[in-house]
């Protein structure tokens, strides 16, 4: 919310402040030069004092400008956290008040403001330091002009002496203004530096490409990971996709939606390399039910169908399958019910069910569940799981979960250990084998070993942390379940 404001200040400095300061620098240079020319014309001997004064002036300028530039850089750097913290506080104001921690956030805001003001104050002190020294230099110029005029009074007309001294009196203001303008010009170059840094940030790929996609793509929901590996940015280690919290399981979701690009290999969906597709074309064909339900300020119908592509009957059908129809029918304005920012006037469970209804409307062949039930109660969890079993039975469902009971009824369980496939079978067979790794995991979790139904879903489990799933050949996730190039026991 506030970062664009900070960036706007940099753009304003480049578009407005820099040209104005450049004009002021040129004006100050010509004004100072004209004063010295007039003094030299009236009293040529004045050149003996100009050389040492010019040397001192250059030394002061070379010492002041880099210091001022660095202070400006620090002041700009400490200004951004003030805006970001203020924006975060506004977004979470209800939570802050609920926990009664207003004083802590006020103190944090004041601390960041004080840090910024420290550099602003030092910048003022440095400017005063410069002003005193330039005034002393100006006094020496006036003293020199007056002294040499007196010494050469026999050879100089009194009117020329008056002209020389009167212009010498202006040199202090001109020198001060010249140095300040040069300093302001150089310190505002920091804005150019910041904009250059923004411009060098790698941008996402194009939203659309020339690759043609049929209306029903993906029609099978077949996903292939061919020697695929990725990292968040250059220099960081490769990301794992299975394991405990922090192992990088959600990175598979980021990779599918191309929020992070591959370091090597590729992902193929129904025979199409996703790296060759436009971001909008790809992401519009995939469906995700995230851990944190995302709702926007607006009507309930807008949140369910943002692009207004579905009919009201389809919207009501999705609400019924998401077990929200009764709740919406009891609302005063029904589908036109105004949802607060972030869904603040709905419970967490209701927000997640709204996101589920939105996913049902898309009817994609690939559904990603990123800890979709981690923040809801068991009853809502059961409703979501039941809907997924019934409505997405012909889809490829990729689930990121920490609890075994969330995925215990999936078609196949693939158990990895140290990056190698250890077990791959339906959960019923794995649970019947008391020597299997999955049986020991289920036993540790306290799950009963009974029969399950399989509804076209797939999950990956590992009893190790930081596992990276990488193979030299292609690995397939599809229906019916097959695995190519990997030995499955």
Protein backbone atom coordinates (compact mmCIF):
# COMPACT_ATOMS: atom_id res chain seq x y z
CA UNK A 1 0.00 0.00 0.00
CA UNK A 2 2.76 2.46 0.94
CA UNK A 3 5.69 1.11 -1.09
CA UNK A 4 4.32 2.76 -4.30
CA UNK A 5 4.31 6.05 -2.34
CA UNK A 6 8.02 5.65 -1.54
CA UNK A 7 8.73 4.82 -5.18
CA UNK A 8 6.66 7.84 -6.23
CA UNK A 9 8.95 10.12 -4.21
CA UNK A 10 11.96 8.78 -6.11
CA UNK A 11 10.26 9.33 -9.45
CA UNK A 12 9.26 12.84 -8.39
CA UNK A 13 12.89 13.60 -7.49
CA UNK A 14 14.07 12.46 -10.92
CA UNK A 15 11.32 14.21 -12.87
CA UNK A 16 11.10 17.47 -10.93
CA UNK A 17 13.80 18.03 -8.31
CA UNK A 18 16.83 17.05 -10.39
CA UNK A 19 16.06 19.39 -13.35
CA UNK A 20 15.37 22.28 -10.95
CA UNK A 21 18.60 21.67 -9.04
CA UNK A 22 20.57 21.42 -12.28
CA UNK A 23 19.27 24.84 -13.34
CA UNK A 24 20.16 26.25 -9.89
CA UNK A 25 23.69 24.80 -10.12
CA UNK A 26 24.27 26.37 -13.53
CA UNK A 27 22.89 29.71 -12.31
CA UNK A 28 25.06 29.64 -9.16
CA UNK A 29 28.21 28.78 -11.13
CA UNK A 30 27.72 31.70 -13.52
CA UNK A 31 26.85 34.07 -10.66
CA UNK A 32 29.98 33.15 -8.68
CA UNK A 33 32.17 33.35 -11.79
CA UNK A 34 30.78 36.80 -12.71
CA UNK A 35 31.51 38.10 -9.18
CA UNK A 36 35.11 36.87 -9.29
CA UNK A 37 35.59 38.33 -12.78
CA UNK A 38 34.38 41.75 -11.62
CA UNK A 39 36.65 41.66 -8.55
CA UNK A 40 39.63 40.53 -10.65
CA UNK A 41 38.93 43.28 -13.18
CA UNK A 42 38.88 45.94 -10.48
CA UNK A 43 41.79 44.55 -8.43
CA UNK A 44 43.93 42.09 -10.47
CA UNK A 45 46.08 41.37 -7.43
CA UNK A 46 43.03 39.66 -5.92
CA UNK A 47 44.08 36.54 -7.85
CA UNK A 48 46.61 35.85 -5.08
CA UNK A 49 43.81 35.22 -2.60
CA UNK A 50 41.49 33.41 -4.98
CA UNK A 51 43.84 30.43 -5.34
CA UNK A 52 44.04 29.49 -1.62
CA UNK A 53 40.34 30.28 -1.07
CA UNK A 54 39.43 28.12 -4.07
CA UNK A 55 41.56 25.27 -2.71
CA UNK A 56 39.88 25.45 0.72
CA UNK A 57 36.48 25.69 -0.96
CA UNK A 58 37.12 22.54 -3.02
CA UNK A 59 38.30 20.64 0.09
CA UNK A 60 35.15 21.62 2.00
CA UNK A 61 32.95 20.64 -0.92
CA UNK A 62 34.65 17.26 -1.40
CA UNK A 63 34.23 16.50 2.30
CA UNK A 64 30.63 17.71 2.59
CA UNK A 65 29.00 16.31 -0.54
CA UNK A 66 29.83 12.58 -0.01
CA UNK A 67 28.74 12.87 3.63
CA UNK A 68 25.50 14.58 2.68
CA UNK A 69 24.87 12.03 -0.06
CA UNK A 70 25.29 9.12 2.34
CA UNK A 71 23.03 10.76 4.92
CA UNK A 72 20.38 11.24 2.23
CA UNK A 73 20.68 7.58 1.28
CA UNK A 74 20.29 6.50 4.93
CA UNK A 75 17.36 8.86 5.43
CA UNK A 76 15.61 7.42 2.37
CA UNK A 77 16.33 3.87 3.48
CA UNK A 78 14.92 4.41 6.97
CA UNK A 79 11.82 6.15 5.62
CA UNK A 80 10.43 3.08 3.85
CA UNK A 81 10.01 0.96 7.05
CA UNK A 82 7.84 3.71 8.53
CA UNK A 83 5.33 3.42 5.69
CA UNK A 84 5.44 -0.38 5.56
CA UNK A 85 4.87 -0.74 9.33
CA UNK A 86 2.05 1.78 9.22
CA UNK A 87 0.39 -0.14 6.37
CA UNK A 88 0.78 -3.45 8.21
CA UNK A 89 -0.71 -1.91 11.36
CA UNK A 90 -3.74 -0.66 9.44
CA UNK A 91 -4.27 -4.07 7.84
CA UNK A 92 -4.14 -5.87 11.17
CA UNK A 93 -5.76 -3.21 13.35
CA UNK A 94 -8.58 -5.55 14.46
CA UNK A 95 -6.08 -8.20 15.62
CA UNK A 96 -3.95 -5.57 17.36
CA UNK A 97 -6.96 -4.31 19.29
CA UNK A 98 -8.16 -7.83 20.07
CA UNK A 99 -4.85 -8.68 21.75
CA UNK A 100 -4.51 -5.25 23.35
CA UNK A 101 -1.03 -4.57 21.95
CA UNK A 102 -1.65 -1.05 20.68
CA UNK A 103 1.15 0.36 22.83
CA UNK A 104 3.68 -2.10 21.38
CA UNK A 105 2.81 -1.13 17.80
CA UNK A 106 2.82 2.58 18.67
CA UNK A 107 6.25 2.15 20.25
CA UNK A 108 7.51 0.29 17.17
CA UNK A 109 6.20 3.07 14.89
CA UNK A 110 7.83 5.74 17.07
CA UNK A 111 11.11 3.79 17.13
CA UNK A 112 11.21 3.64 13.32
CA UNK A 113 10.31 7.32 13.10
CA UNK A 114 13.05 8.21 15.61
CA UNK A 115 15.57 6.23 13.59
CA UNK A 116 14.62 8.21 10.49
CA UNK A 117 14.72 11.51 12.34
CA UNK A 118 18.23 10.79 13.64
CA UNK A 119 19.57 10.92 10.09
CA UNK A 120 17.38 13.90 9.21
CA UNK A 121 18.75 15.79 12.26
CA UNK A 122 22.35 14.91 11.43
CA UNK A 123 21.72 16.16 7.89
CA UNK A 124 20.59 19.53 9.31
CA UNK A 125 23.68 19.69 11.53
CA UNK A 126 25.93 18.96 8.54
CA UNK A 127 24.24 21.75 6.59
CA UNK A 128 24.92 24.17 9.45
CA UNK A 129 28.53 22.99 9.53
CA UNK A 130 28.81 23.84 5.85
CA UNK A 131 27.11 27.22 6.28
CA UNK A 132 29.55 28.39 8.96
CA UNK A 133 32.62 27.53 6.87
CA UNK A 134 31.26 29.11 3.72
CA UNK A 135 30.44 32.28 5.63
CA UNK A 136 34.05 32.38 6.85
CA UNK A 137 35.29 31.94 3.27
CA UNK A 138 32.96 34.71 2.12
CA UNK A 139 34.30 36.99 4.84
CA UNK A 140 37.85 36.40 3.58
CA UNK A 141 36.76 37.26 0.03
CA UNK A 142 35.21 40.54 1.23
CA UNK A 143 38.30 41.26 3.34
CA UNK A 144 40.59 40.61 0.38
CA UNK A 145 38.55 42.73 -2.01
CA UNK A 146 38.41 45.63 0.45
CA UNK A 147 42.07 45.34 1.46
CA UNK A 148 43.41 45.25 -2.10
CA UNK A 149 41.12 48.12 -3.07
CA UNK A 150 42.66 50.23 -0.32
CA UNK A 151 46.19 49.18 -1.27
CA UNK A 152 45.56 50.01 -4.92
CA UNK A 153 43.46 53.12 -4.27
CA UNK A 154 45.79 55.32 -6.27
CA UNK A 155 45.33 53.22 -9.41
CA UNK A 156 41.64 52.40 -9.08
CA UNK A 157 38.64 54.63 -9.55
CA UNK A 158 36.48 54.92 -6.45
CA UNK A 159 33.38 53.80 -8.38
CA UNK A 160 35.17 50.58 -9.40
CA UNK A 161 36.17 50.02 -5.75
CA UNK A 162 32.54 50.36 -4.69
CA UNK A 163 31.45 47.94 -7.42
CA UNK A 164 34.10 45.40 -6.37
CA UNK A 165 33.25 45.51 -2.66
CA UNK A 166 29.49 45.45 -3.24
CA UNK A 167 29.80 42.33 -5.37
CA UNK A 168 32.22 40.78 -2.88
CA UNK A 169 29.52 41.10 -0.21
CA UNK A 170 27.32 38.81 -2.31
CA UNK A 171 29.91 36.06 -2.65
CA UNK A 172 28.98 34.39 0.67
CA UNK A 173 25.39 33.81 -0.37
CA UNK A 174 26.45 32.70 -3.86
CA UNK A 175 29.05 30.23 -2.63
CA UNK A 176 26.66 28.83 -0.02
CA UNK A 177 23.91 28.45 -2.58
CA UNK A 178 26.28 26.87 -5.11
CA UNK A 179 27.53 24.21 -2.70
CA UNK A 180 24.01 23.46 -1.48
CA UNK A 181 22.68 23.07 -4.98
CA UNK A 182 25.57 20.82 -6.01
CA UNK A 183 24.97 18.80 -2.86
CA UNK A 184 21.21 18.58 -3.46
CA UNK A 185 21.84 17.58 -7.05
CA UNK A 186 24.19 14.76 -6.02
CA UNK A 187 22.05 13.57 -3.11
CA UNK A 188 18.99 13.37 -5.35
CA UNK A 189 21.01 11.09 -7.61
CA UNK A 190 20.23 8.54 -4.86
CA UNK A 191 16.70 8.44 -6.28
CA UNK A 192 18.15 7.53 -9.67
CA UNK A 193 20.12 4.79 -7.93
CA UNK A 194 17.01 3.41 -6.23
CA UNK A 195 15.00 3.49 -9.48
CA UNK A 196 17.83 1.67 -11.23
CA UNK A 197 17.68 -1.01 -8.54
CA UNK A 198 13.92 -1.33 -8.99
CA UNK A 199 14.37 -1.54 -12.75
CA UNK A 200 16.96 -4.30 -12.47
CA UNK A 201 14.59 -6.60 -10.59
CA UNK A 202 13.72 -9.62 -12.72
CA UNK A 203 10.11 -9.40 -13.85
CA UNK A 204 7.66 -12.21 -14.45
CA UNK A 205 7.15 -13.74 -17.86
CA UNK A 206 4.54 -12.47 -20.32
CA UNK A 207 0.89 -12.90 -19.45
CA UNK A 208 0.13 -14.33 -22.89
CA UNK A 209 2.17 -16.07 -25.56
CA UNK A 210 1.56 -17.41 -29.06
CA UNK A 211 1.03 -20.93 -27.67
CA UNK A 212 -2.50 -22.05 -28.52
CA UNK A 213 -4.53 -23.69 -25.76
CA UNK A 214 -7.84 -25.41 -26.35
CA UNK A 215 -10.83 -24.39 -24.29
CA UNK A 216 -10.81 -27.62 -22.28
CA UNK A 217 -7.06 -27.67 -21.52
CA UNK A 218 -6.02 -29.37 -19.30
CA UNK A 219 -8.51 -32.12 -20.12
CA UNK A 220 -6.71 -35.02 -18.39
CA UNK A 221 -4.92 -33.35 -15.52
CA UNK A 222 -1.68 -35.18 -16.29
CA UNK A 223 1.38 -33.60 -14.67
CA UNK A 224 4.95 -34.53 -15.56
CA UNK A 225 8.02 -33.33 -13.67
CA UNK A 226 11.03 -33.86 -15.93
CA UNK A 227 14.32 -33.59 -14.01
CA UNK A 228 12.77 -30.56 -12.36
CA UNK A 229 14.53 -28.52 -9.71
CA UNK A 230 14.10 -24.94 -8.57
CA UNK A 231 15.30 -22.39 -6.03
CA UNK A 232 13.85 -19.15 -4.71
CA UNK A 233 16.68 -17.07 -6.20
CA UNK A 234 20.19 -17.42 -7.47
CA UNK A 235 22.71 -18.54 -4.86
CA UNK A 236 20.19 -20.32 -2.63
CA UNK A 237 19.99 -24.12 -2.31
CA UNK A 238 17.47 -26.18 -4.23
CA UNK A 239 14.01 -26.44 -2.72
CA UNK A 240 12.50 -29.65 -1.37
CA UNK A 241 8.86 -30.56 -1.93
CA UNK A 242 8.26 -33.08 0.85
CA UNK A 243 9.02 -33.13 4.54
CA UNK A 244 8.22 -31.29 7.75
CA UNK A 245 7.35 -27.63 8.12
CA UNK A 246 9.88 -25.49 6.26
CA UNK A 247 10.96 -28.25 3.89
CA UNK A 248 9.42 -26.41 0.94
CA UNK A 249 6.31 -28.42 0.14
CA UNK A 250 4.41 -25.32 -0.95
CA UNK A 251 7.19 -24.70 -3.46
CA UNK A 252 5.59 -27.31 -5.71
CA UNK A 253 2.55 -25.03 -5.84
CA UNK A 254 4.74 -22.03 -6.61
CA UNK A 255 6.42 -24.01 -9.38
CA UNK A 256 3.12 -25.10 -10.95
CA UNK A 257 1.84 -21.53 -11.04
CA UNK A 258 5.29 -20.27 -12.15
CA UNK A 259 5.70 -17.97 -9.18
CA UNK A 260 9.24 -19.34 -9.17
CA UNK A 261 10.96 -20.42 -12.36
CA UNK A 262 12.89 -23.70 -12.80
CA UNK A 263 16.63 -23.95 -12.28
CA UNK A 264 16.62 -27.01 -14.55
CA UNK A 265 14.11 -29.39 -16.06
CA UNK A 266 10.50 -28.60 -16.83
CA UNK A 267 6.89 -29.25 -15.84
CA UNK A 268 4.55 -30.63 -18.48
CA UNK A 269 0.77 -30.57 -18.08
CA UNK A 270 -1.21 -32.58 -20.62
CA UNK A 271 1.72 -32.49 -23.02
CA UNK A 272 2.35 -28.74 -22.79
CA UNK A 273 5.50 -27.27 -21.27
CA UNK A 274 4.22 -24.70 -18.77
CA UNK A 275 7.34 -22.53 -19.21
CA UNK A 276 6.22 -21.80 -22.78
CA UNK A 277 2.75 -20.65 -21.73
CA UNK A 278 1.70 -17.16 -20.73
CA UNK A 279 1.23 -16.63 -17.00
CA UNK A 280 -2.42 -15.63 -17.34
CA UNK A 281 -3.12 -18.56 -19.70
CA UNK A 282 -1.54 -21.04 -17.28
CA UNK A 283 -2.84 -19.74 -13.97
CA UNK A 284 -6.39 -19.34 -15.23
CA UNK A 285 -6.53 -23.09 -15.97
CA UNK A 286 -5.34 -24.24 -12.54
CA UNK A 287 -7.30 -24.17 -9.29
CA UNK A 288 -5.91 -23.70 -5.81
CA UNK A 289 -7.49 -23.77 -2.36
CA UNK A 290 -4.95 -21.94 -0.18
CA UNK A 291 -4.33 -22.22 3.53
CA UNK A 292 -5.23 -18.56 4.10
CA UNK A 293 -8.62 -17.83 2.50
CA UNK A 294 -8.38 -14.79 0.24
CA UNK A 295 -11.47 -12.57 0.06
CA UNK A 296 -11.86 -9.02 -1.22
CA UNK A 297 -14.01 -6.09 -0.25
CA UNK A 298 -17.14 -6.38 -2.39
CA UNK A 299 -20.22 -8.49 -2.90
CA UNK A 300 -20.25 -12.19 -2.11
CA UNK A 301 -20.98 -12.95 -5.76
CA UNK A 302 -17.96 -10.95 -6.87
CA UNK A 303 -15.79 -12.98 -4.53
CA UNK A 304 -17.21 -16.22 -5.92
CA UNK A 305 -17.05 -15.22 -9.59
CA UNK A 306 -14.67 -12.24 -9.94
CA UNK A 307 -14.77 -12.28 -13.75
CA UNK A 308 -18.59 -12.60 -13.86
CA UNK A 309 -18.38 -15.66 -16.12
CA UNK A 310 -20.89 -17.94 -14.38
CA UNK A 311 -24.68 -17.81 -14.13
CA UNK A 312 -26.51 -17.38 -10.85
CA UNK A 313 -27.68 -21.00 -10.95
CA UNK A 314 -24.08 -22.20 -11.19
CA UNK A 315 -23.12 -19.95 -8.29
CA UNK A 316 -25.95 -21.36 -6.15
CA UNK A 317 -24.94 -24.92 -7.11
CA UNK A 318 -21.36 -24.25 -5.98
CA UNK A 319 -22.63 -22.81 -2.70
CA UNK A 320 -24.78 -25.89 -2.15
CA UNK A 321 -21.87 -28.26 -2.76
CA UNK A 322 -19.72 -26.12 -0.44
CA UNK A 323 -22.40 -26.37 2.28
CA UNK A 324 -22.93 -22.61 2.27
CA UNK A 325 -26.30 -22.34 0.54
CA UNK A 326 -28.36 -22.22 3.74
CA UNK A 327 -26.09 -19.57 5.23
CA UNK A 328 -26.26 -17.35 2.12
CA UNK A 329 -30.04 -17.71 1.83
CA UNK A 330 -30.40 -16.34 5.34
CA UNK A 331 -28.37 -13.22 4.54
CA UNK A 332 -30.40 -10.02 3.97
CA UNK A 333 -29.07 -9.40 0.46
CA UNK A 334 -28.02 -13.00 -0.31
CA UNK A 335 -25.47 -13.00 -3.16
CA UNK A 336 -25.10 -9.21 -2.96
CA UNK A 337 -24.04 -9.42 0.69
CA UNK A 338 -21.13 -7.02 1.23
CA UNK A 339 -17.97 -8.85 2.29
CA UNK A 340 -15.58 -6.84 4.44
CA UNK A 341 -11.91 -6.33 3.62
CA UNK A 342 -10.26 -9.74 3.87
CA UNK A 343 -13.62 -11.30 4.80
CA UNK A 344 -13.49 -9.81 8.29
CA UNK A 345 -17.27 -10.16 8.75
CA UNK A 346 -17.11 -13.93 8.08
CA UNK A 347 -15.65 -16.65 10.26
CA UNK A 348 -12.47 -18.45 9.19
CA UNK A 349 -14.47 -21.57 8.32
CA UNK A 350 -16.95 -19.59 6.23
CA UNK A 351 -14.11 -17.86 4.37
CA UNK A 352 -12.57 -21.22 3.53
CA UNK A 353 -15.91 -22.56 2.32
CA UNK A 354 -16.34 -19.47 0.12
CA UNK A 355 -12.93 -20.22 -1.40
CA UNK A 356 -14.04 -23.84 -1.88
CA UNK A 357 -17.18 -22.65 -3.69
CA UNK A 358 -15.01 -20.44 -5.88
CA UNK A 359 -12.86 -23.46 -6.73
CA UNK A 360 -15.96 -25.48 -7.59
CA UNK A 361 -17.05 -22.81 -10.06
CA UNK A 362 -13.77 -23.09 -11.97
CA UNK A 363 -14.13 -26.84 -12.53
CA UNK A 364 -10.47 -27.30 -13.39
CA UNK A 365 -8.87 -30.68 -13.90
CA UNK A 366 -6.04 -29.85 -11.51
CA UNK A 367 -6.72 -28.82 -7.92
CA UNK A 368 -4.00 -27.83 -5.46
CA UNK A 369 -4.79 -27.96 -1.74
CA UNK A 370 -2.15 -26.03 0.21
CA UNK A 371 -2.94 -26.87 3.84
CA UNK A 372 -6.51 -25.91 3.00
CA UNK A 373 -7.95 -27.24 6.27
CA UNK A 374 -5.13 -26.37 8.66
CA UNK A 375 -6.87 -23.32 10.14
CA UNK A 376 -10.46 -24.66 10.35
CA UNK A 377 -12.27 -26.80 12.87
CA UNK A 378 -12.76 -30.53 12.41
CA UNK A 379 -16.37 -30.15 11.28
CA UNK A 380 -15.45 -27.72 8.50
CA UNK A 381 -12.50 -29.94 7.63
CA UNK A 382 -14.86 -32.88 7.19
CA UNK A 383 -17.20 -30.79 4.99
CA UNK A 384 -14.34 -29.67 2.75
CA UNK A 385 -12.91 -33.18 2.44
CA UNK A 386 -16.34 -34.63 1.62
CA UNK A 387 -16.91 -32.03 -1.10
CA UNK A 388 -13.48 -32.65 -2.59
CA UNK A 389 -14.13 -36.42 -2.69
CA UNK A 390 -17.42 -35.97 -4.49
CA UNK A 391 -16.82 -33.01 -6.79
CA UNK A 392 -13.19 -33.56 -7.76
CA UNK A 393 -13.19 -37.34 -8.14
CA UNK A 394 -12.20 -37.06 -11.82
CA UNK A 395 -9.48 -34.45 -11.18
CA UNK A 396 -5.85 -34.57 -10.22
CA UNK A 397 -5.66 -33.31 -6.66
CA UNK A 398 -2.28 -32.30 -5.22
CA UNK A 399 -2.47 -31.97 -1.45
CA UNK A 400 0.00 -30.34 0.91
CA UNK A 401 -0.78 -31.56 4.42
CA UNK A 402 0.81 -32.24 7.78
CA UNK A 403 -1.87 -34.59 9.11
CA UNK A 404 -2.19 -38.16 7.82
CA UNK A 405 -5.94 -38.26 8.29
CA UNK A 406 -6.28 -35.47 5.70
CA UNK A 407 -4.96 -37.71 2.91
CA UNK A 408 -5.52 -41.20 4.29
CA UNK A 409 -8.18 -42.04 1.69
CA UNK A 410 -6.22 -40.97 -1.40
CA UNK A 411 -5.62 -43.26 -4.39
CA UNK A 412 -1.92 -43.75 -3.85
CA UNK A 413 0.62 -42.98 -1.17
CA UNK A 414 4.19 -42.40 -2.28
CA UNK A 415 6.68 -42.61 0.60
CA UNK A 416 10.10 -41.05 0.00
CA UNK A 417 13.15 -41.41 2.17
CA UNK A 418 16.42 -39.58 1.49
CA UNK A 419 15.18 -38.68 -1.99
CA UNK A 420 14.43 -42.30 -2.96
CA UNK A 421 11.08 -43.99 -3.52
CA UNK A 422 10.50 -46.48 -0.67
CA UNK A 423 6.81 -47.31 -0.98
CA UNK A 424 4.12 -46.66 -3.57
CA UNK A 425 0.72 -48.28 -3.15
CA UNK A 426 -2.82 -47.59 -2.01
CA UNK A 427 -3.08 -46.84 1.70
CA UNK A 428 -5.06 -50.02 2.42
CA UNK A 429 -2.23 -52.27 1.26
CA UNK A 430 0.39 -50.15 3.02
CA UNK A 431 -1.52 -50.28 6.29
CA UNK A 432 -1.93 -54.04 6.04
CA UNK A 433 1.84 -54.42 5.88
CA UNK A 434 2.99 -53.88 9.45
CA UNK A 435 6.59 -53.54 8.22
CA UNK A 436 5.88 -50.59 5.94
CA UNK A 437 7.08 -47.09 6.71
CA UNK A 438 3.60 -45.71 6.15
CA UNK A 439 2.16 -48.17 8.69
CA UNK A 440 4.63 -46.93 11.31
CA UNK A 441 3.75 -43.31 10.49
CA UNK A 442 0.03 -44.05 10.82
CA UNK A 443 0.64 -45.90 14.08
CA UNK A 444 2.63 -42.98 15.48
CA UNK A 445 -0.20 -40.65 14.48
CA UNK A 446 -2.73 -42.89 16.28
CA UNK A 447 -4.80 -43.60 13.14
CA UNK A 448 -6.96 -46.75 13.02
CA UNK A 449 -6.21 -49.22 10.22
CA UNK A 450 -9.49 -49.66 8.40
CA UNK A 451 -10.59 -49.80 4.77
CA UNK A 452 -10.76 -46.62 2.71
CA UNK A 453 -12.29 -45.51 -0.58
CA UNK A 454 -10.03 -43.95 -3.21
CA UNK A 455 -11.22 -40.89 -5.07
CA UNK A 456 -8.58 -39.93 -7.61
CA UNK A 457 -6.11 -38.12 -5.42
CA UNK A 458 -2.40 -38.38 -4.82
CA UNK A 459 -0.06 -37.33 -2.07
CA UNK A 460 3.62 -37.58 -1.15
CA UNK A 461 4.87 -38.41 2.32
CA UNK A 462 8.31 -38.58 3.80
CA UNK A 463 9.66 -39.41 7.22
CA UNK A 464 12.69 -37.19 6.63
CA UNK A 465 13.06 -33.45 6.57
CA UNK A 466 14.50 -31.50 3.62
CA UNK A 467 13.84 -34.04 0.89
CA UNK A 468 14.28 -32.98 -2.74
CA UNK A 469 12.36 -35.00 -5.32
CA UNK A 470 14.61 -35.08 -8.38
CA UNK A 471 15.19 -37.85 -10.90
CA UNK A 472 17.15 -37.98 -14.13
CA UNK A 473 14.09 -39.21 -15.99
CA UNK A 474 10.54 -37.95 -16.11
CA UNK A 475 8.19 -38.77 -13.24
CA UNK A 476 4.47 -38.79 -13.92
CA UNK A 477 1.50 -37.91 -11.78
CA UNK A 478 -1.67 -38.90 -13.61
CA UNK A 479 -4.69 -41.21 -13.69
CA UNK A 480 -4.35 -44.17 -13.83
CA UNK A 481 -1.27 -43.84 -11.64
CA UNK A 482 1.97 -44.72 -13.39
CA UNK A 483 5.55 -43.94 -12.82
CA UNK A 484 8.13 -43.74 -15.60
CA UNK A 485 11.87 -44.08 -15.16
CA UNK A 486 11.57 -44.72 -11.40
CA UNK A 487 11.57 -48.14 -9.79
CA UNK A 488 8.37 -48.46 -7.74
CA UNK A 489 8.27 -51.38 -5.29
